[in-house]
């Protein structure tokens, strides 16, 4: 048994993303910062297009649900927020929060969806029964009920579309209802690592979210995957030093600083005083840095 959530979806948001099939993730944002728990990661979030369409237009796999400041949401997802610019996102939020001053620190709800499938108009289909016009945000369905199972099977029938969207082998074996392992994009990776480290720098424990980055241990451009065990949440300046090879993390999760920091820059005391500091690790072992990735960074990036 799995859950599906059918969420009322802004038509402009949907149309903006539908013509950008290269996007591998989407931020289904809400103007309020209320938590969302109707479905869990790996379950489906279905797009119910608003009036006058009143139909199902697609879906995505939920990667996570979180609350982010507006500026961070834009920096994390960019046009995958369904708008062309930060100003457009701010204005869209402001329309719903008319009595508030909306700015970079305004918190919004983010449902992070990966591998979104946005159907062409001739593929849209009717809403599951029963559906009340009084539903404001959305409605949950379960595959152990007839209406939820029928919706799942209808989505399953779109297998060719899901193949094109990147579900790959998992889509070919969609079959009986089951959780889908979310394939993270860059934004979903950042959110996942941020939450794994409880929104604190793994070295300094700084909690100012705009100053933090999800650092890849093995860079994505060099084959490193978007998975939590290839990520560490670091202060942005430490991330830059780490990427440049002036620091690394050993397999005992200690911060190691290269002598090159002093030799090249005749300084670097703010990093050298962190020498040997132990990383604060995620609670789940599966979310901690993979030793194989750490060894790669030690051998291939660290300047020694």
Protein backbone atom coordinates (compact mmCIF):
# COMPACT_ATOMS: atom_id res chain seq x y z
CA UNK A 1 0.00 0.00 0.00
CA UNK A 2 1.21 3.49 -0.83
CA UNK A 3 -0.33 6.92 -0.60
CA UNK A 4 -0.88 9.41 -3.39
CA UNK A 5 -1.66 13.07 -2.93
CA UNK A 6 -3.62 15.06 -5.49
CA UNK A 7 -2.67 18.71 -5.05
CA UNK A 8 -4.45 21.72 -6.50
CA UNK A 9 -1.94 23.07 -8.99
CA UNK A 10 -1.60 26.58 -10.37
CA UNK A 11 -2.04 26.45 -14.14
CA UNK A 12 0.66 29.07 -14.79
CA UNK A 13 3.18 27.11 -12.69
CA UNK A 14 2.31 23.94 -14.59
CA UNK A 15 2.46 25.55 -18.04
CA UNK A 16 5.82 27.17 -17.29
CA UNK A 17 7.36 23.83 -16.35
CA UNK A 18 5.63 21.77 -19.06
CA UNK A 19 7.56 23.48 -21.83
CA UNK A 20 10.85 22.85 -20.03
CA UNK A 21 11.22 19.06 -20.17
CA UNK A 22 14.92 19.31 -19.36
CA UNK A 23 14.08 20.04 -15.71
CA UNK A 24 14.52 16.96 -13.51
CA UNK A 25 12.92 18.46 -10.39
CA UNK A 26 10.32 20.99 -9.36
CA UNK A 27 9.50 22.94 -6.23
CA UNK A 28 5.76 22.76 -5.61
CA UNK A 29 5.76 25.71 -3.26
CA UNK A 30 3.07 26.99 -0.97
CA UNK A 31 2.95 30.59 0.31
CA UNK A 32 2.57 29.45 3.91
CA UNK A 33 5.22 27.64 5.92
CA UNK A 34 2.89 24.91 7.17
CA UNK A 35 4.44 21.41 7.26
CA UNK A 36 3.31 18.79 4.74
CA UNK A 37 2.99 15.12 5.60
CA UNK A 38 0.25 13.75 3.37
CA UNK A 39 2.72 11.52 1.52
CA UNK A 40 6.27 10.46 2.32
CA UNK A 41 9.39 10.40 0.15
CA UNK A 42 8.98 7.94 -2.69
CA UNK A 43 5.22 8.41 -2.98
CA UNK A 44 3.45 10.31 -5.74
CA UNK A 45 2.31 13.91 -5.76
CA UNK A 46 -0.32 14.32 -8.49
CA UNK A 47 -1.10 17.63 -10.22
CA UNK A 48 -4.77 18.58 -10.24
CA UNK A 49 -5.00 21.48 -12.67
CA UNK A 50 -7.26 24.23 -11.46
CA UNK A 51 -10.42 25.53 -13.10
CA UNK A 52 -11.33 25.67 -15.90
CA UNK A 53 -9.26 22.56 -16.61
CA UNK A 54 -10.27 20.50 -13.57
CA UNK A 55 -8.24 17.42 -14.49
CA UNK A 56 -5.07 15.49 -13.73
CA UNK A 57 -2.13 16.91 -15.65
CA UNK A 58 0.81 14.94 -14.32
CA UNK A 59 2.72 14.00 -11.19
CA UNK A 60 6.14 13.83 -9.52
CA UNK A 61 7.88 11.69 -6.92
CA UNK A 62 8.12 13.41 -3.55
CA UNK A 63 11.75 13.72 -2.48
CA UNK A 64 11.19 15.78 0.65
CA UNK A 65 9.04 18.45 2.22
CA UNK A 66 10.63 21.41 3.94
CA UNK A 67 10.39 25.10 4.75
CA UNK A 68 12.88 27.50 3.17
CA UNK A 69 13.41 31.25 3.14
CA UNK A 70 12.30 32.71 -0.17
CA UNK A 71 15.82 33.65 -1.27
CA UNK A 72 17.15 30.18 -0.46
CA UNK A 73 14.26 28.55 -2.34
CA UNK A 74 15.15 30.59 -5.42
CA UNK A 75 18.90 29.90 -5.13
CA UNK A 76 18.18 26.19 -4.65
CA UNK A 77 15.66 25.60 -7.44
CA UNK A 78 15.79 28.60 -9.77
CA UNK A 79 13.28 28.24 -12.60
CA UNK A 80 12.24 24.86 -11.20
CA UNK A 81 10.12 27.02 -8.88
CA UNK A 82 7.85 27.47 -11.90
CA UNK A 83 8.74 31.13 -12.51
CA UNK A 84 11.40 32.92 -14.53
CA UNK A 85 13.02 35.06 -11.81
CA UNK A 86 13.35 35.69 -8.10
CA UNK A 87 11.18 38.81 -8.49
CA UNK A 88 8.44 36.71 -10.09
CA UNK A 89 8.56 34.21 -7.24
CA UNK A 90 8.44 36.98 -4.65
CA UNK A 91 5.49 38.60 -6.44
CA UNK A 92 3.65 35.28 -6.63
CA UNK A 93 4.07 34.75 -2.88
CA UNK A 94 3.04 38.34 -2.18
CA UNK A 95 -0.28 37.83 -3.99
CA UNK A 96 -1.20 35.24 -1.37
CA UNK A 97 0.25 37.15 1.58
CA UNK A 98 -1.15 40.54 0.74
CA UNK A 99 -0.96 41.95 4.27
CA UNK A 100 2.70 41.06 4.79
CA UNK A 101 6.01 42.40 3.58
CA UNK A 102 7.45 39.56 1.50
CA UNK A 103 11.23 39.46 1.17
CA UNK A 104 14.27 37.16 1.13
CA UNK A 105 13.68 35.87 4.67
CA UNK A 106 9.99 35.03 4.16
CA UNK A 107 9.53 31.31 4.80
CA UNK A 108 7.55 29.24 2.30
CA UNK A 109 6.53 25.59 2.19
CA UNK A 110 8.43 23.48 -0.37
CA UNK A 111 7.32 20.10 -1.68
CA UNK A 112 10.41 18.93 -3.54
CA UNK A 113 9.42 16.74 -6.50
CA UNK A 114 11.81 14.80 -8.70
CA UNK A 115 11.31 13.35 -12.18
CA UNK A 116 8.16 15.41 -12.78
CA UNK A 117 5.85 14.15 -15.52
CA UNK A 118 3.89 17.03 -17.08
CA UNK A 119 1.46 15.66 -19.62
CA UNK A 120 0.41 17.22 -22.87
CA UNK A 121 -3.22 18.42 -22.98
CA UNK A 122 -4.41 15.41 -24.97
CA UNK A 123 -3.11 13.16 -22.15
CA UNK A 124 -4.90 14.91 -19.28
CA UNK A 125 -7.56 12.78 -17.62
CA UNK A 126 -10.47 13.22 -15.19
CA UNK A 127 -10.04 13.59 -11.45
CA UNK A 128 -10.55 10.53 -9.26
CA UNK A 129 -13.94 10.04 -7.68
CA UNK A 130 -15.04 11.39 -5.35
CA UNK A 131 -13.59 14.88 -5.74
CA UNK A 132 -15.24 17.83 -4.03
CA UNK A 133 -14.98 21.32 -5.50
CA UNK A 134 -14.56 22.53 -1.91
CA UNK A 135 -11.09 20.98 -1.57
CA UNK A 136 -8.71 23.89 -1.01
CA UNK A 137 -5.22 22.37 -1.12
CA UNK A 138 -5.55 18.73 -2.09
CA UNK A 139 -6.66 15.26 -1.09
CA UNK A 140 -4.88 12.04 -0.20
CA UNK A 141 -5.65 8.65 -1.73
CA UNK A 142 -4.48 5.18 -0.74
CA UNK A 143 -3.87 2.26 -3.07
CA UNK A 144 -5.71 -0.05 -0.66
CA UNK A 145 -8.88 1.80 -1.66
CA UNK A 146 -10.56 1.46 -5.05
CA UNK A 147 -10.23 5.12 -6.05
CA UNK A 148 -6.54 5.32 -5.06
CA UNK A 149 -5.70 2.06 -6.82
CA UNK A 150 -7.51 3.22 -9.96
CA UNK A 151 -5.48 6.44 -9.95
CA UNK A 152 -2.22 4.51 -9.52
CA UNK A 153 -3.14 2.20 -12.39
CA UNK A 154 -4.01 5.15 -14.61
CA UNK A 155 -0.59 6.64 -13.93
CA UNK A 156 0.99 3.25 -14.51
CA UNK A 157 -0.61 3.19 -17.95
CA UNK A 158 1.56 6.20 -18.80
CA UNK A 159 4.65 4.00 -18.65
CA UNK A 160 6.07 5.29 -21.91
CA UNK A 161 5.83 8.84 -20.63
CA UNK A 162 7.52 7.86 -17.39
CA UNK A 163 10.32 6.17 -19.31
CA UNK A 164 10.95 9.42 -21.16
CA UNK A 165 10.92 11.36 -17.92
CA UNK A 166 13.82 9.37 -16.52
CA UNK A 167 12.17 6.77 -14.29
CA UNK A 168 14.12 4.15 -16.27
CA UNK A 169 13.98 0.59 -15.06
CA UNK A 170 11.84 1.52 -12.07
CA UNK A 171 9.13 2.75 -14.42
CA UNK A 172 9.28 -0.39 -16.52
CA UNK A 173 8.60 -2.39 -13.35
CA UNK A 174 6.05 0.05 -11.88
CA UNK A 175 3.51 -2.78 -11.51
CA UNK A 176 2.14 -3.23 -8.00
CA UNK A 177 2.03 -0.02 -5.94
CA UNK A 178 5.37 0.60 -4.22
CA UNK A 179 7.67 3.37 -3.09
CA UNK A 180 9.95 4.84 -5.75
CA UNK A 181 13.54 5.70 -4.86
CA UNK A 182 13.76 9.42 -5.70
CA UNK A 183 16.54 10.27 -8.16
CA UNK A 184 17.72 13.60 -6.79
CA UNK A 185 18.47 16.69 -8.81
CA UNK A 186 20.80 19.45 -7.63
CA UNK A 187 18.11 21.29 -5.65
CA UNK A 188 16.68 18.13 -4.09
CA UNK A 189 20.24 17.10 -3.16
CA UNK A 190 20.82 20.42 -1.41
CA UNK A 191 17.60 20.10 0.58
CA UNK A 192 18.25 16.46 1.48
CA UNK A 193 21.77 17.18 2.76
CA UNK A 194 20.61 20.30 4.61
CA UNK A 195 17.98 18.32 6.49
CA UNK A 196 20.33 15.36 7.12
CA UNK A 197 22.71 17.74 8.94
CA UNK A 198 19.82 19.41 10.77
CA UNK A 199 20.49 22.74 9.05
CA UNK A 200 23.87 23.22 10.73
CA UNK A 201 27.37 23.35 9.29
CA UNK A 202 29.01 19.98 9.98
CA UNK A 203 32.19 21.75 11.19
CA UNK A 204 31.20 25.04 12.78
CA UNK A 205 27.55 24.29 13.65
CA UNK A 206 26.59 27.61 12.08
CA UNK A 207 22.85 27.75 11.41
CA UNK A 208 22.47 30.75 9.06
CA UNK A 209 20.88 28.89 6.17
CA UNK A 210 21.84 31.32 3.35
CA UNK A 211 25.49 30.89 4.40
CA UNK A 212 25.42 27.09 4.09
CA UNK A 213 26.02 24.83 1.08
CA UNK A 214 25.55 21.15 0.37
CA UNK A 215 29.06 20.22 -0.75
CA UNK A 216 29.61 17.24 -3.02
CA UNK A 217 32.53 15.10 -1.87
CA UNK A 218 33.03 13.78 -5.40
CA UNK A 219 31.90 16.60 -7.71
CA UNK A 220 28.83 15.86 -9.79
CA UNK A 221 30.71 16.89 -12.93
CA UNK A 222 33.29 14.20 -12.20
CA UNK A 223 30.82 11.39 -11.66
CA UNK A 224 29.75 12.08 -8.09
CA UNK A 225 26.09 11.23 -7.51
CA UNK A 226 23.38 13.42 -6.00
CA UNK A 227 23.03 11.22 -2.89
CA UNK A 228 23.24 12.13 0.76
CA UNK A 229 26.33 9.99 1.39
CA UNK A 230 28.17 12.12 -1.20
CA UNK A 231 27.27 15.34 0.58
CA UNK A 232 28.34 17.38 3.59
CA UNK A 233 26.66 20.58 4.78
CA UNK A 234 29.36 23.24 5.08
CA UNK A 235 29.64 26.98 5.44
CA UNK A 236 30.02 28.42 1.95
CA UNK A 237 33.61 29.58 2.39
CA UNK A 238 34.64 26.20 3.79
CA UNK A 239 32.87 24.54 0.86
CA UNK A 240 34.97 26.62 -1.54
CA UNK A 241 38.21 25.72 0.26
CA UNK A 242 37.17 22.04 0.25
CA UNK A 243 36.34 22.06 -3.48
CA UNK A 244 39.65 23.77 -4.28
CA UNK A 245 41.58 21.02 -2.46
CA UNK A 246 42.96 23.16 0.35
CA UNK A 247 41.10 20.96 2.83
CA UNK A 248 39.61 17.49 2.95
CA UNK A 249 37.82 15.12 5.32
CA UNK A 250 39.63 11.92 6.26
CA UNK A 251 37.90 8.56 6.67
CA UNK A 252 37.68 9.18 10.44
CA UNK A 253 35.58 12.27 9.60
CA UNK A 254 38.23 14.76 10.70
CA UNK A 255 38.86 18.05 8.93
CA UNK A 256 42.35 18.17 7.40
CA UNK A 257 43.87 21.43 6.14
CA UNK A 258 46.66 21.57 3.55
CA UNK A 259 49.85 23.50 4.26
CA UNK A 260 49.20 25.07 0.84
CA UNK A 261 46.72 27.41 2.50
CA UNK A 262 49.56 29.11 4.35
CA UNK A 263 52.09 28.80 1.54
CA UNK A 264 49.87 30.19 -1.20
CA UNK A 265 47.88 32.76 0.73
CA UNK A 266 50.25 33.50 3.63
CA UNK A 267 47.26 33.18 5.91
CA UNK A 268 44.30 30.83 6.30
CA UNK A 269 44.29 30.86 10.08
CA UNK A 270 40.47 30.68 10.14
CA UNK A 271 40.72 27.28 8.44
CA UNK A 272 43.90 26.01 10.09
CA UNK A 273 42.35 26.38 13.51
CA UNK A 274 39.72 23.86 12.42
CA UNK A 275 42.46 21.28 11.77
CA UNK A 276 41.50 17.89 13.20
CA UNK A 277 37.98 18.92 14.13
CA UNK A 278 35.50 16.04 14.01
CA UNK A 279 32.49 16.39 11.74
CA UNK A 280 29.09 16.36 13.38
CA UNK A 281 27.45 13.52 11.48
CA UNK A 282 23.84 12.73 10.56
CA UNK A 283 22.03 10.34 12.87
CA UNK A 284 21.41 7.81 10.09
CA UNK A 285 24.50 5.87 9.05
CA UNK A 286 23.24 5.74 5.46
CA UNK A 287 23.35 9.56 5.30
CA UNK A 288 26.94 9.88 6.51
CA UNK A 289 29.86 10.44 4.12
CA UNK A 290 30.74 7.28 2.24
CA UNK A 291 34.40 6.31 2.95
CA UNK A 292 34.86 5.54 -0.75
CA UNK A 293 33.93 9.12 -1.66
CA UNK A 294 36.17 10.52 1.08
CA UNK A 295 39.12 8.50 -0.18
CA UNK A 296 38.48 9.83 -3.68
CA UNK A 297 38.66 13.41 -2.39
CA UNK A 298 41.80 12.65 -0.35
CA UNK A 299 43.54 11.11 -3.38
CA UNK A 300 42.26 13.24 -6.25
CA UNK A 301 41.49 16.71 -4.92
CA UNK A 302 43.41 17.34 -1.69
CA UNK A 303 46.63 19.30 -2.28
CA UNK A 304 48.45 17.60 0.59
